[in-house]
Protein backbone atom coordinates (compact mmCIF):
# COMPACT_ATOMS: atom_id res chain seq x y z
CA MET A 1 100.51 3.37 48.29
CA ARG A 2 102.19 0.51 46.51
CA PHE A 3 103.01 -2.96 47.75
CA ARG A 4 105.03 -5.79 46.30
CA HIS A 5 103.30 -9.17 46.43
CA PRO A 6 105.60 -12.15 47.04
CA ASP A 7 105.14 -13.15 43.39
CA GLY A 8 106.53 -9.77 42.28
CA THR A 9 103.20 -8.14 41.35
CA THR A 10 102.58 -4.55 42.40
CA VAL A 11 99.37 -4.08 44.39
CA HIS A 12 97.99 -0.55 44.72
CA LEU A 13 96.19 0.81 47.79
CA ALA A 14 94.22 4.07 47.61
CA TYR A 15 91.51 5.89 49.48
CA CYS A 16 88.36 7.09 47.73
CA THR A 17 87.75 10.83 47.44
CA ASN A 18 83.97 10.53 47.47
CA VAL A 19 84.38 11.34 51.16
CA HIS A 20 85.15 14.92 49.97
CA PRO A 21 82.47 15.23 47.27
CA ALA A 22 82.94 17.92 44.63
CA GLU A 23 80.92 18.51 41.50
CA THR A 24 83.39 20.57 39.45
CA LEU A 25 87.03 20.39 38.41
CA ASP A 26 87.85 23.35 40.67
CA GLY A 27 86.29 21.41 43.53
CA VAL A 28 88.40 18.35 42.73
CA LEU A 29 91.57 20.46 42.70
CA ALA A 30 90.57 21.87 46.08
CA GLN A 31 90.16 18.29 47.40
CA LEU A 32 93.73 17.52 46.43
CA ARG A 33 95.03 20.64 48.16
CA ASP A 34 92.87 20.64 51.29
CA HIS A 35 92.47 16.93 52.01
CA CYS A 36 94.47 14.42 49.98
CA GLU A 37 97.87 16.06 50.41
CA ALA A 38 97.20 16.37 54.14
CA VAL A 39 96.55 12.64 54.41
CA ARG A 40 99.75 11.89 52.50
CA ARG A 41 101.77 14.09 54.85
CA ARG A 42 100.32 12.40 57.92
CA LEU A 43 101.44 9.05 56.54
CA GLY A 44 104.94 10.42 55.93
CA ARG A 45 104.94 9.28 52.32
CA ASP A 46 106.23 10.89 49.15
CA ARG A 47 103.41 9.31 47.13
CA LEU A 48 99.82 8.42 47.98
CA GLY A 49 97.22 6.66 45.85
CA ILE A 50 93.75 8.16 45.66
CA GLY A 51 90.62 6.72 44.08
CA LEU A 52 89.08 9.76 42.44
CA TRP A 53 85.34 10.31 42.31
CA LEU A 54 84.60 12.58 39.36
CA ALA A 55 81.05 13.91 39.11
CA ALA A 56 79.52 14.23 35.65
CA ASP A 57 80.41 17.92 35.20
CA ALA A 58 84.01 17.40 36.26
CA ALA A 59 84.43 14.34 34.04
CA GLN A 60 82.97 16.18 31.07
CA ALA A 61 85.29 19.14 31.58
CA LEU A 62 88.29 16.84 31.64
CA VAL A 63 87.37 14.78 28.60
CA THR A 64 86.55 17.80 26.42
CA ASP A 65 89.37 20.12 27.45
CA PRO A 66 92.94 18.77 27.14
CA SER A 67 94.30 21.74 29.09
CA ALA A 68 92.02 20.89 32.03
CA LEU A 69 93.26 17.30 31.99
CA ARG A 70 96.87 18.49 31.94
CA ARG A 71 96.10 20.81 34.83
CA LEU A 72 94.73 17.94 36.92
CA ARG A 73 97.67 15.68 36.07
CA THR A 74 100.13 18.44 37.00
CA GLU A 75 98.36 19.07 40.29
CA LEU A 76 98.42 15.37 41.17
CA ASP A 77 102.15 15.21 40.52
CA HIS A 78 102.78 18.41 42.45
CA ARG A 79 100.98 17.12 45.53
CA GLY A 80 102.54 13.64 45.51
CA LEU A 81 99.33 11.86 44.49
CA GLU A 82 98.65 9.15 41.94
CA VAL A 83 95.49 7.66 40.45
CA VAL A 84 95.02 4.11 39.17
CA THR A 85 91.33 3.75 40.01
CA LEU A 86 88.14 5.80 39.80
CA ASN A 87 84.84 5.45 41.63
CA GLY A 88 82.30 5.65 38.82
CA PHE A 89 79.23 4.64 40.87
CA PRO A 90 77.72 8.05 41.84
CA TYR A 91 76.97 10.19 38.79
CA GLU A 92 76.44 13.52 40.55
CA GLY A 93 75.06 15.03 43.73
CA PHE A 94 76.93 12.78 46.18
CA GLY A 95 77.44 15.74 48.48
CA ALA A 96 73.73 16.62 48.57
CA GLU A 97 71.90 16.81 51.89
CA GLN A 98 69.84 13.79 50.82
CA VAL A 99 71.32 11.25 48.40
CA LYS A 100 69.37 8.05 49.16
CA TYR A 101 67.96 6.49 45.93
CA ARG A 102 69.40 9.23 43.71
CA VAL A 103 72.78 7.50 43.71
CA TYR A 104 71.36 4.78 41.42
CA ARG A 105 70.51 7.22 38.62
CA PRO A 106 71.27 7.16 35.77
CA ASP A 107 71.50 3.38 35.69
CA TRP A 108 72.81 1.06 32.99
CA GLY A 109 69.46 1.19 31.21
CA ASP A 110 70.11 4.87 30.44
CA PRO A 111 72.58 5.77 27.63
CA VAL A 112 73.93 8.56 29.84
CA ARG A 113 75.58 5.97 32.08
CA LEU A 114 77.48 4.45 29.16
CA GLU A 115 78.71 7.84 27.95
CA HIS A 116 79.76 8.91 31.45
CA THR A 117 81.71 5.70 32.07
CA THR A 118 83.37 5.98 28.66
CA ALA A 119 84.44 9.52 29.56
CA LEU A 120 85.85 8.29 32.88
CA ALA A 121 87.86 5.59 31.08
CA HIS A 122 89.46 8.17 28.78
CA VAL A 123 90.28 10.42 31.73
CA LEU A 124 91.79 7.57 33.72
CA ALA A 125 93.94 6.43 30.80
CA ALA A 126 95.46 9.92 30.75
CA LEU A 127 95.94 10.09 34.54
CA LEU A 128 97.70 6.76 35.08
CA PRO A 129 101.28 7.10 36.30
CA GLY A 130 103.92 6.64 33.63
CA ASP A 131 104.93 3.21 34.93
CA VAL A 132 101.36 1.87 35.24
CA THR A 133 99.39 0.46 32.30
CA GLU A 134 96.23 -0.82 34.05
CA GLY A 135 93.41 1.21 35.55
CA SER A 136 90.06 0.30 37.14
CA ILE A 137 86.64 1.88 37.51
CA SER A 138 83.85 0.70 39.80
CA THR A 139 80.25 1.21 38.71
CA LEU A 140 76.73 0.54 39.92
CA PRO A 141 75.47 -3.04 39.52
CA LEU A 142 73.08 -2.42 36.61
CA PHE A 143 70.16 -0.74 38.45
CA TRP A 144 68.07 -0.59 41.60
CA ARG A 145 65.70 -3.54 41.77
CA THR A 146 62.01 -2.75 41.30
CA ALA A 147 58.88 -4.89 41.35
CA ASP A 148 58.16 -4.35 37.65
CA ASP A 149 61.51 -5.60 36.27
CA ASP A 150 60.63 -7.67 33.20
CA GLY A 151 64.08 -8.51 31.84
CA ARG A 152 64.14 -5.86 29.14
CA ARG A 153 66.12 -3.41 31.26
CA ALA A 154 68.70 -6.11 31.93
CA GLN A 155 69.06 -6.79 28.21
CA THR A 156 69.58 -3.06 27.60
CA ALA A 157 72.15 -2.89 30.38
CA HIS A 158 74.04 -5.93 29.08
CA ALA A 159 74.15 -4.42 25.59
CA ALA A 160 75.50 -1.15 26.98
CA LEU A 161 78.24 -2.95 28.87
CA ARG A 162 79.22 -4.94 25.78
CA THR A 163 79.51 -1.64 23.93
CA LEU A 164 81.63 -0.32 26.78
CA GLY A 165 83.88 -3.37 26.49
CA ARG A 166 84.48 -2.67 22.81
CA ARG A 167 85.25 0.96 23.61
CA LEU A 168 87.74 -0.11 26.27
CA ASP A 169 89.42 -2.41 23.74
CA ALA A 170 89.74 0.51 21.32
CA LEU A 171 91.09 2.75 24.09
CA ALA A 172 93.75 0.17 24.96
CA GLU A 173 94.79 -0.10 21.33
CA LEU A 174 95.00 3.68 21.05
CA THR A 175 96.79 4.46 24.32
CA GLY A 176 98.45 1.25 25.48
CA ARG A 177 96.50 1.63 28.75
CA SER A 178 94.09 -1.13 29.79
CA ILE A 179 91.05 0.17 31.69
CA ARG A 180 88.66 -2.32 33.28
CA VAL A 181 85.24 -1.68 34.80
CA GLY A 182 83.78 -3.61 37.74
CA LEU A 183 80.12 -3.96 38.69
CA GLU A 184 79.85 -3.32 42.43
CA PRO A 185 77.17 -5.58 43.96
CA GLU A 186 75.07 -3.70 46.50
CA PRO A 187 72.05 -4.64 48.63
CA GLY A 188 68.80 -3.65 46.94
CA CYS A 189 70.21 -3.63 43.43
CA THR A 190 69.48 -6.17 40.72
CA VAL A 191 73.00 -7.44 41.34
CA GLU A 192 72.84 -7.55 45.13
CA THR A 193 75.50 -10.17 45.86
CA THR A 194 78.63 -11.54 44.26
CA GLY A 195 76.59 -14.60 43.30
CA ASP A 196 74.08 -12.37 41.51
CA ALA A 197 76.94 -10.93 39.43
CA ILE A 198 77.99 -14.20 37.84
CA ALA A 199 75.11 -14.61 35.39
CA PRO A 200 75.11 -11.08 33.93
CA LEU A 201 78.90 -10.90 33.73
CA THR A 202 78.99 -14.27 32.01
CA ALA A 203 76.30 -13.05 29.60
CA ILE A 204 78.26 -9.86 28.90
CA GLY A 205 81.32 -12.00 28.30
CA HIS A 206 84.06 -9.36 28.10
CA ASP A 207 87.32 -9.62 30.03
CA ARG A 208 87.45 -5.86 30.66
CA ILE A 209 84.08 -5.99 32.45
CA GLY A 210 84.28 -7.71 35.84
CA ILE A 211 83.39 -7.23 39.47
CA CYS A 212 84.31 -4.78 42.23
CA VAL A 213 84.12 -6.54 45.60
CA ASP A 214 82.99 -4.09 48.28
CA THR A 215 83.53 -5.79 51.63
CA CYS A 216 80.82 -3.75 53.41
CA HIS A 217 78.24 -4.79 50.82
CA LEU A 218 79.35 -8.42 50.90
CA ALA A 219 79.12 -8.45 54.70
CA THR A 220 75.74 -6.70 54.78
CA SER A 221 74.32 -9.53 52.66
CA PHE A 222 75.85 -12.10 55.04
CA GLU A 223 77.87 -13.66 52.23
CA ASP A 224 80.60 -16.05 53.26
CA PRO A 225 83.77 -14.49 51.80
CA HIS A 226 85.49 -17.67 50.69
CA THR A 227 82.35 -19.25 49.23
CA ALA A 228 81.59 -16.05 47.32
CA LEU A 229 85.09 -15.50 45.99
CA ASP A 230 85.59 -19.17 45.08
CA ALA A 231 82.42 -18.99 42.98
CA ILE A 232 83.70 -15.87 41.20
CA GLY A 233 86.96 -17.65 40.51
CA ARG A 234 85.28 -20.75 39.12
CA ALA A 235 83.21 -18.55 36.81
CA ARG A 236 86.41 -16.80 35.65
CA ILE A 237 85.01 -13.40 36.56
CA PRO A 238 87.87 -10.88 36.92
CA VAL A 239 88.04 -9.00 40.23
CA VAL A 240 88.72 -5.54 38.84
CA LYS A 241 89.15 -3.99 42.28
CA SER A 242 88.10 -4.38 45.88
CA GLN A 243 86.76 -1.64 48.12
CA MET A 244 87.89 -2.13 51.70
CA SER A 245 84.98 -1.18 53.94
CA ALA A 246 83.15 -2.42 57.02
CA ALA A 247 79.43 -2.65 57.77
CA LEU A 248 77.52 -2.06 61.01
CA HIS A 249 76.70 -5.27 62.92
CA ALA A 250 74.13 -5.75 65.69
CA GLU A 251 74.20 -9.20 67.27
CA HIS A 252 71.04 -8.80 69.39
CA PRO A 253 68.72 -6.28 67.68
CA HIS A 254 65.80 -7.15 69.96
CA LEU A 255 67.49 -5.50 72.96
CA PRO A 256 66.47 -1.89 73.71
CA ASP A 257 70.05 -0.66 74.13
CA VAL A 258 71.03 -2.20 70.79
CA ARG A 259 68.12 -0.55 69.01
CA ALA A 260 68.99 2.77 70.61
CA ALA A 261 72.58 2.42 69.43
CA LEU A 262 71.42 1.58 65.90
CA ALA A 263 69.04 4.54 65.87
CA ALA A 264 72.04 6.88 66.25
CA PHE A 265 73.20 5.70 62.80
CA ASP A 266 69.83 6.30 61.14
CA GLU A 267 70.52 9.53 59.26
CA PRO A 268 68.87 11.31 56.32
CA ARG A 269 71.66 11.52 53.75
CA PHE A 270 72.52 8.00 52.60
CA LEU A 271 70.57 4.78 52.18
CA HIS A 272 71.51 2.19 54.81
CA GLN A 273 70.05 -1.07 53.59
CA THR A 274 69.63 -3.48 56.50
CA ARG A 275 69.65 -7.27 56.34
CA ALA A 276 68.94 -10.22 58.64
CA ALA A 277 69.99 -13.79 57.88
CA THR A 278 67.21 -16.25 58.73
CA THR A 279 66.72 -19.96 58.22
CA ALA A 280 64.31 -19.06 55.42
CA GLY A 281 66.87 -16.84 53.71
CA LEU A 282 67.94 -13.22 53.72
CA ARG A 283 65.38 -10.62 54.83
CA GLY A 284 65.91 -6.92 54.28
CA THR A 285 64.73 -3.34 54.29
CA ASP A 286 65.81 -0.45 52.10
CA ASP A 287 66.89 1.68 55.06
CA LEU A 288 67.87 1.35 58.71
CA GLY A 289 64.97 3.46 59.95
CA GLU A 290 62.49 1.13 58.26
CA ALA A 291 64.03 -1.83 60.11
CA LEU A 292 63.92 -0.03 63.44
CA ARG A 293 60.27 0.93 63.19
CA GLY A 294 59.41 -2.66 63.98
CA GLY A 295 57.99 -5.67 62.20
CA ALA A 296 59.92 -5.31 58.95
CA LEU A 297 62.78 -7.58 60.07
CA PRO A 298 62.93 -10.44 62.55
CA ASP A 299 64.90 -9.26 65.56
CA GLY A 300 65.85 -12.66 66.95
CA THR A 301 68.81 -12.92 64.57
CA PRO A 302 71.72 -10.51 63.91
CA TRP A 303 71.30 -7.47 61.69
CA ARG A 304 73.81 -5.80 59.43
CA ALA A 305 73.41 -2.32 57.97
CA HIS A 306 75.05 -0.80 54.91
CA PHE A 307 76.85 1.92 56.81
CA HIS A 308 80.55 2.25 56.01
CA VAL A 309 82.09 2.60 59.47
CA PRO A 310 85.76 3.63 59.87
CA LEU A 311 88.01 0.63 59.53
CA HIS A 312 90.19 1.41 62.52
CA ALA A 313 87.40 2.43 64.90
CA ALA A 314 84.60 -0.08 65.43
CA PRO A 315 81.46 1.41 66.97
CA ALA A 316 81.12 1.17 70.71
CA ALA A 317 79.34 -1.78 72.30
CA PRO A 318 76.72 -3.10 71.90
CA LEU A 319 77.46 -2.67 68.17
CA THR A 320 80.43 -3.96 66.22
CA SER A 321 81.73 -3.78 62.66
CA THR A 322 82.41 -6.47 60.06
CA LEU A 323 86.15 -5.85 59.88
CA HIS A 324 86.65 -9.61 60.16
CA VAL A 325 84.89 -10.02 56.81
CA LEU A 326 87.22 -7.48 55.22
CA LYS A 327 90.21 -9.40 56.59
CA ALA A 328 88.91 -12.67 55.15
CA VAL A 329 88.31 -11.10 51.73
CA LEU A 330 91.75 -9.51 51.72
CA ALA A 331 93.42 -12.80 52.64
CA HIS A 332 91.60 -14.50 49.77
CA LEU A 333 92.33 -11.78 47.21
CA VAL A 334 95.99 -11.01 47.92
CA GLY A 335 97.12 -13.54 50.52
CA GLY A 336 97.58 -16.44 48.12
CA PRO A 337 100.44 -17.32 45.76
CA HIS A 338 99.19 -14.72 43.26
CA PRO A 339 96.97 -11.65 43.81
CA LEU A 340 93.45 -11.95 42.39
CA THR A 341 93.23 -8.15 42.12
CA ARG A 342 95.83 -5.39 41.97
CA HIS A 343 93.64 -2.49 43.07
CA LEU A 344 92.44 -1.94 46.63
CA GLU A 345 90.54 1.14 47.78
CA VAL A 346 89.52 2.22 51.28
CA GLU A 347 86.02 3.64 50.85
CA THR A 348 84.58 5.16 54.01
CA TYR A 349 82.45 7.95 52.59
CA THR A 350 80.19 8.22 55.64
CA TRP A 351 82.48 10.13 58.03
CA GLN A 352 80.13 13.12 58.12
CA ALA A 353 77.08 10.84 58.47
CA LEU A 354 78.35 9.25 61.69
CA PRO A 355 76.57 10.07 64.95
CA PRO A 356 77.59 13.64 65.92
CA GLU A 357 79.91 12.58 68.72
CA LEU A 358 81.89 10.37 66.29
CA ARG A 359 82.19 12.82 63.38
CA PRO A 360 85.42 14.65 62.60
CA HIS A 361 84.43 18.30 62.99
CA THR A 362 87.51 19.73 61.27
CA SER A 363 89.38 18.82 58.09
CA ALA A 364 92.42 18.05 60.24
CA ARG A 365 90.49 15.46 62.25
CA LEU A 366 89.14 13.93 59.03
CA ALA A 367 92.68 13.64 57.63
CA ASP A 368 93.75 11.98 60.90
CA GLY A 369 90.95 9.43 60.55
CA ILE A 370 91.64 8.60 56.90
CA ALA A 371 95.36 8.23 57.64
CA ALA A 372 94.51 5.85 60.49
CA GLU A 373 92.36 3.75 58.16
CA LEU A 374 95.14 3.55 55.59
CA THR A 375 97.63 2.61 58.31
CA LEU A 376 95.40 -0.27 59.35
CA ALA A 377 95.00 -1.35 55.71
CA ARG A 378 98.77 -1.19 55.25
CA ASP A 379 99.31 -3.37 58.32
CA LEU A 380 96.80 -5.95 57.06
CA LEU A 381 98.67 -6.16 53.75
CA THR A 382 102.11 -6.48 55.30
CA ASP A 383 100.78 -9.15 57.67
CA LEU A 384 99.84 -11.11 54.53
CA GLY A 385 103.41 -10.95 53.30
CA LEU A 386 103.23 -7.93 50.99
CA LYS A 387 106.07 -5.43 51.17
CA GLU A 388 105.37 -1.71 51.22
CA LEU A 389 107.18 0.15 48.47
CA PRO A 390 108.53 3.72 48.67
């Protein structure tokens, strides 16, 4: 979906296909047929933006086989779909029964991550619509934080990202397409918050390497949206893209009914980092179950969990979502005189991890839900003065 900002800039809105994980090119083509086109039809649009997630095997097939890349491009056109952004965070196995910590491997200390992201950049340059010259890729924020970090891994990661920047420069010179990559701060990673991103991105010092602002992650860490985004702006860090998502919020986690409601979201597939804001600073656990077992987090202050809940459907009381944080971020990024990013992506990958009574049990119900999220996102953008384009 495309929108015209009052200053004339085109802003793109997509939804991320990591909600339909596939490991191979055939699986990706099936996603387009079985899911993405269905969402487009529900929205009544001739064209729909999708943020592709390409697992390592699919990306490799596309970058090494020109006919495979042409096949994907033809299929996108045939189904009324367009791609200006990729989700490059998960490397593979995002559809596994248990993902948890695996999603952070390989990290930016491993040369495999550099080669994979380079491959994604080449694929994206070839997939961009004919009238679009800028693409974006989100990636993991260096690596998962461990107790034995000694700085050497960070130096390796920074060097890899500088190399990536040079490769992106060469790609732009070769193709005329500018691809940018954004570190996506996430709780538990070495770059956990937007503030944590400033130092490494300043050290990397390349204008094609910036930040991806995920509004669920920002909210989970109890960051104030305007304070965080003002700091990014002062540091001249480019906002490559923003992922529109909402976290799980519990105002009174000490109450038995609240804990019971939270327990319904404690599931085995994904990691749901949980945070509490205290007067002494942020406290956290790696997963929701760890917080619920007692003692790990203070329960006299609100909790937020990294669980991407559907934008249009906040969980039932006594829980809520952080949709208000998303709205504040969106107003800051595209509600001013000029947009601070051109790429927005709805990223609710946890539909099938919701409590059973909230899950869509058919592909039709899932398409209904994604279309409803995109409708809400569209309304938020038009309320900010952007005009939806055909």
